């Protein structure tokens, strides 16, 4: 995977969509981790590492995008001038 070097600008609607998508991804990955841990436990094997499911990274990105979305929602700027930066590197 390549990293995006420059900061991208997203409007409030885009940032809201990204935050929701990351929340859904976190939910699905968490459920997959729990299922894998349950299966490993039943087989007497060691639990998988939560980092194998990217949970920390997804949570960090989700919080970062959600906080940007909340800041923009609370601000009194007009809809057309609302822009926020997502400096996440993928």
N, C-alpha and C. Protein backbone atom coordinates (compact mmCIF):
# COMPACT_ATOMS: atom_id res chain seq x y z
N UNK A 1 0.83 -1.18 0.00
CA UNK A 1 0.00 0.00 0.00
C UNK A 1 0.88 1.24 0.00
N UNK A 2 0.45 2.25 -0.72
CA UNK A 2 1.19 3.50 -0.73
C UNK A 2 0.54 4.48 0.23
N UNK A 3 1.32 5.41 0.73
CA UNK A 3 0.81 6.42 1.65
C UNK A 3 0.53 7.70 0.87
N UNK A 4 -0.53 8.37 1.26
CA UNK A 4 -0.85 9.65 0.66
C UNK A 4 0.00 10.70 1.34
N UNK A 5 0.79 11.41 0.59
CA UNK A 5 1.72 12.37 1.15
C UNK A 5 1.07 13.71 1.48
N UNK A 6 0.12 14.13 0.68
CA UNK A 6 -0.49 15.43 0.92
C UNK A 6 -1.79 15.30 1.70
N UNK A 7 -2.15 16.36 2.40
CA UNK A 7 -3.38 16.37 3.17
C UNK A 7 -4.55 16.60 2.24
N UNK A 8 -5.57 15.77 2.37
CA UNK A 8 -6.77 15.88 1.55
C UNK A 8 -7.81 16.70 2.29
N UNK A 9 -8.59 17.46 1.56
CA UNK A 9 -9.68 18.21 2.16
C UNK A 9 -10.99 17.49 1.88
N UNK A 10 -11.80 17.38 2.93
CA UNK A 10 -13.12 16.77 2.80
C UNK A 10 -14.13 17.74 3.38
N UNK A 11 -15.31 17.79 2.77
CA UNK A 11 -16.35 18.63 3.36
C UNK A 11 -17.04 17.85 4.47
N UNK A 12 -17.97 18.50 5.15
CA UNK A 12 -18.64 17.90 6.30
C UNK A 12 -19.37 16.62 5.94
N UNK A 13 -20.03 16.60 4.80
CA UNK A 13 -20.76 15.41 4.38
C UNK A 13 -19.80 14.25 4.12
N UNK A 14 -18.69 14.52 3.45
CA UNK A 14 -17.69 13.48 3.19
C UNK A 14 -17.08 12.96 4.49
N UNK A 15 -16.77 13.88 5.41
CA UNK A 15 -16.16 13.47 6.68
C UNK A 15 -17.15 12.64 7.49
N UNK A 16 -18.42 12.99 7.45
CA UNK A 16 -19.45 12.22 8.15
C UNK A 16 -19.53 10.80 7.57
N UNK A 17 -19.48 10.70 6.27
CA UNK A 17 -19.52 9.40 5.60
C UNK A 17 -18.30 8.56 5.96
N UNK A 18 -17.14 9.17 5.98
CA UNK A 18 -15.91 8.45 6.35
C UNK A 18 -15.99 7.98 7.80
N UNK A 19 -16.46 8.84 8.70
CA UNK A 19 -16.58 8.47 10.11
C UNK A 19 -17.55 7.30 10.28
N UNK A 20 -18.68 7.34 9.57
CA UNK A 20 -19.65 6.24 9.66
C UNK A 20 -19.07 4.95 9.10
N UNK A 21 -18.36 5.04 7.99
CA UNK A 21 -17.75 3.85 7.38
C UNK A 21 -16.71 3.23 8.31
N UNK A 22 -15.91 4.08 8.94
CA UNK A 22 -14.91 3.56 9.87
C UNK A 22 -15.57 2.93 11.10
N UNK A 23 -16.67 3.51 11.58
CA UNK A 23 -17.39 2.93 12.72
C UNK A 23 -17.95 1.55 12.35
N UNK A 24 -18.49 1.42 11.15
CA UNK A 24 -19.00 0.13 10.69
C UNK A 24 -17.87 -0.88 10.52
N UNK A 25 -16.75 -0.44 9.97
CA UNK A 25 -15.59 -1.32 9.80
C UNK A 25 -15.08 -1.78 11.16
N UNK A 26 -15.02 -0.86 12.13
CA UNK A 26 -14.58 -1.22 13.48
C UNK A 26 -15.52 -2.26 14.08
N UNK A 27 -16.80 -2.08 13.90
CA UNK A 27 -17.79 -3.03 14.42
C UNK A 27 -17.58 -4.42 13.80
N UNK A 28 -17.44 -4.48 12.50
CA UNK A 28 -17.27 -5.77 11.81
C UNK A 28 -15.96 -6.44 12.20
N UNK A 29 -14.88 -5.67 12.25
CA UNK A 29 -13.59 -6.25 12.62
C UNK A 29 -13.59 -6.72 14.08
N UNK A 30 -14.28 -5.98 14.96
CA UNK A 30 -14.38 -6.38 16.37
C UNK A 30 -15.13 -7.70 16.49
N UNK A 31 -16.22 -7.82 15.74
CA UNK A 31 -16.99 -9.06 15.76
C UNK A 31 -16.15 -10.22 15.23
N UNK A 32 -15.39 -9.98 14.18
CA UNK A 32 -14.54 -11.03 13.62
C UNK A 32 -13.47 -11.44 14.62
N UNK A 33 -12.89 -10.47 15.32
CA UNK A 33 -11.89 -10.77 16.34
C UNK A 33 -12.49 -11.61 17.46
N UNK A 34 -13.67 -11.21 17.94
CA UNK A 34 -14.34 -11.96 19.01
C UNK A 34 -14.63 -13.40 18.59
N UNK A 35 -15.09 -13.57 17.36
CA UNK A 35 -15.38 -14.92 16.86
C UNK A 35 -14.10 -15.74 16.76
N UNK A 36 -13.03 -15.13 16.24
CA UNK A 36 -11.75 -15.84 16.13
C UNK A 36 -11.21 -16.21 17.50
N UNK A 37 -11.37 -15.31 18.48
CA UNK A 37 -10.91 -15.61 19.84
C UNK A 37 -11.73 -16.74 20.46
N UNK A 38 -13.04 -16.74 20.22
CA UNK A 38 -13.91 -17.80 20.74
C UNK A 38 -13.54 -19.15 20.14
N UNK A 39 -13.31 -19.18 18.84
CA UNK A 39 -12.93 -20.43 18.17
C UNK A 39 -11.59 -20.93 18.68
N UNK A 40 -10.62 -20.01 18.82
CA UNK A 40 -9.31 -20.40 19.33
C UNK A 40 -9.42 -20.95 20.74
N UNK A 41 -10.24 -20.32 21.56
CA UNK A 41 -10.44 -20.77 22.94
C UNK A 41 -11.03 -22.18 22.98
N UNK A 42 -12.02 -22.44 22.13
CA UNK A 42 -12.65 -23.77 22.09
C UNK A 42 -11.69 -24.85 21.60
N UNK A 43 -10.73 -24.44 20.77
CA UNK A 43 -9.74 -25.40 20.27
C UNK A 43 -8.53 -25.50 21.19
N UNK A 44 -8.53 -24.70 22.25
CA UNK A 44 -7.40 -24.73 23.18
C UNK A 44 -6.18 -24.01 22.65
N UNK A 45 -6.37 -23.14 21.70
CA UNK A 45 -5.27 -22.39 21.10
C UNK A 45 -5.22 -20.97 21.69
N UNK A 46 -4.11 -20.32 21.45
CA UNK A 46 -3.96 -18.94 21.91
C UNK A 46 -4.89 -18.02 21.12
N UNK A 47 -5.39 -17.00 21.80
CA UNK A 47 -6.25 -16.02 21.13
C UNK A 47 -5.45 -15.26 20.08
N UNK A 48 -6.11 -14.84 19.02
CA UNK A 48 -5.41 -14.03 18.02
C UNK A 48 -5.06 -12.66 18.60
N UNK A 49 -4.14 -12.01 17.97
CA UNK A 49 -3.75 -10.66 18.37
C UNK A 49 -4.73 -9.67 17.74
N UNK A 50 -5.26 -8.77 18.55
CA UNK A 50 -6.22 -7.80 18.01
C UNK A 50 -5.60 -6.90 16.95
N UNK A 51 -4.29 -6.77 16.96
CA UNK A 51 -3.61 -5.97 15.93
C UNK A 51 -3.70 -6.64 14.56
N UNK A 52 -3.86 -7.96 14.55
CA UNK A 52 -4.03 -8.66 13.28
C UNK A 52 -5.31 -8.23 12.57
N UNK A 53 -6.25 -7.68 13.33
CA UNK A 53 -7.52 -7.23 12.77
C UNK A 53 -7.54 -5.72 12.55
N UNK A 54 -6.44 -5.04 12.85
CA UNK A 54 -6.33 -3.60 12.62
C UNK A 54 -7.20 -2.74 13.52
N UNK A 55 -7.60 -3.29 14.67
CA UNK A 55 -8.56 -2.58 15.52
C UNK A 55 -8.03 -1.25 16.05
N UNK A 56 -6.78 -1.20 16.46
CA UNK A 56 -6.22 0.04 17.00
C UNK A 56 -6.17 1.12 15.93
N UNK A 57 -5.75 0.77 14.75
CA UNK A 57 -5.65 1.74 13.66
C UNK A 57 -7.03 2.25 13.25
N UNK A 58 -7.98 1.35 13.12
CA UNK A 58 -9.34 1.74 12.73
C UNK A 58 -9.95 2.65 13.80
N UNK A 59 -9.76 2.31 15.06
CA UNK A 59 -10.30 3.12 16.15
C UNK A 59 -9.68 4.51 16.15
N UNK A 60 -8.36 4.59 15.96
CA UNK A 60 -7.67 5.88 15.92
C UNK A 60 -8.19 6.74 14.78
N UNK A 61 -8.31 6.16 13.60
CA UNK A 61 -8.81 6.91 12.45
C UNK A 61 -10.27 7.33 12.64
N UNK A 62 -11.06 6.43 13.21
CA UNK A 62 -12.46 6.73 13.46
C UNK A 62 -12.61 7.91 14.41
N UNK A 63 -11.85 7.89 15.48
CA UNK A 63 -11.89 9.00 16.45
C UNK A 63 -11.41 10.30 15.82
N UNK A 64 -10.37 10.21 15.02
CA UNK A 64 -9.83 11.42 14.38
C UNK A 64 -10.87 12.03 13.43
N UNK A 65 -11.49 11.21 12.61
CA UNK A 65 -12.48 11.72 11.66
C UNK A 65 -13.75 12.17 12.37
N UNK A 66 -14.16 11.45 13.41
CA UNK A 66 -15.35 11.85 14.17
C UNK A 66 -15.14 13.18 14.87
N UNK A 67 -13.95 13.39 15.42
CA UNK A 67 -13.68 14.65 16.12
C UNK A 67 -13.68 15.81 15.13
N UNK A 68 -13.14 15.60 13.93
CA UNK A 68 -13.19 16.65 12.91
C UNK A 68 -14.63 16.95 12.52
N UNK A 69 -15.42 15.90 12.39
CA UNK A 69 -16.83 16.08 12.01
C UNK A 69 -17.57 16.87 13.09
N UNK A 70 -17.34 16.53 14.36
CA UNK A 70 -18.01 17.24 15.45
C UNK A 70 -17.59 18.70 15.51
N UNK A 71 -16.30 18.99 15.31
CA UNK A 71 -15.82 20.36 15.31
C UNK A 71 -16.51 21.17 14.21
N UNK A 72 -16.63 20.58 13.05
CA UNK A 72 -17.25 21.28 11.92
C UNK A 72 -18.74 21.47 12.14
N UNK A 73 -19.41 20.48 12.74
CA UNK A 73 -20.84 20.56 12.97
C UNK A 73 -21.17 21.67 13.96
N UNK A 74 -20.34 21.84 14.97
CA UNK A 74 -20.56 22.84 16.01
C UNK A 74 -20.24 24.24 15.51
N UNK A 75 -19.32 24.37 14.60
CA UNK A 75 -18.91 25.69 14.12
C UNK A 75 -20.06 26.40 13.42
N UNK A 76 -19.94 27.71 13.29
CA UNK A 76 -21.01 28.50 12.69
C UNK A 76 -20.71 28.88 11.24
N UNK A 77 -19.83 28.17 10.59
CA UNK A 77 -19.52 28.46 9.19
C UNK A 77 -20.68 28.05 8.30
N UNK A 78 -20.77 28.66 7.12
CA UNK A 78 -21.82 28.27 6.18
C UNK A 78 -21.48 26.91 5.57
N UNK A 79 -22.49 26.20 5.06
CA UNK A 79 -22.28 24.87 4.48
C UNK A 79 -21.31 24.90 3.32
N UNK A 80 -21.33 25.94 2.53
CA UNK A 80 -20.46 25.96 1.36
C UNK A 80 -19.01 26.19 1.71
N UNK A 81 -18.74 26.80 2.86
CA UNK A 81 -17.34 27.07 3.20
C UNK A 81 -16.77 26.05 4.17
N UNK A 82 -17.57 25.08 4.57
CA UNK A 82 -17.08 24.09 5.52
C UNK A 82 -16.15 23.10 4.83
N UNK A 83 -14.92 23.11 5.26
CA UNK A 83 -13.93 22.16 4.78
C UNK A 83 -13.12 21.71 5.99
N UNK A 84 -12.68 20.48 6.01
CA UNK A 84 -11.84 19.98 7.07
C UNK A 84 -10.73 19.13 6.46
N UNK A 85 -9.67 18.99 7.20
CA UNK A 85 -8.53 18.21 6.71
C UNK A 85 -8.52 16.85 7.38
N UNK A 86 -8.28 15.85 6.62
CA UNK A 86 -8.07 14.52 7.16
C UNK A 86 -6.63 14.16 6.83
N UNK A 87 -5.80 14.17 7.85
CA UNK A 87 -4.38 13.95 7.61
C UNK A 87 -4.00 12.49 7.77
N UNK A 88 -4.98 11.63 7.69
CA UNK A 88 -4.71 10.20 7.83
C UNK A 88 -3.90 9.70 6.65
N UNK A 89 -2.94 8.85 6.96
CA UNK A 89 -2.14 8.24 5.88
C UNK A 89 -2.60 6.82 5.71
N UNK A 90 -2.95 6.46 4.50
CA UNK A 90 -3.41 5.11 4.20
C UNK A 90 -2.31 4.33 3.53
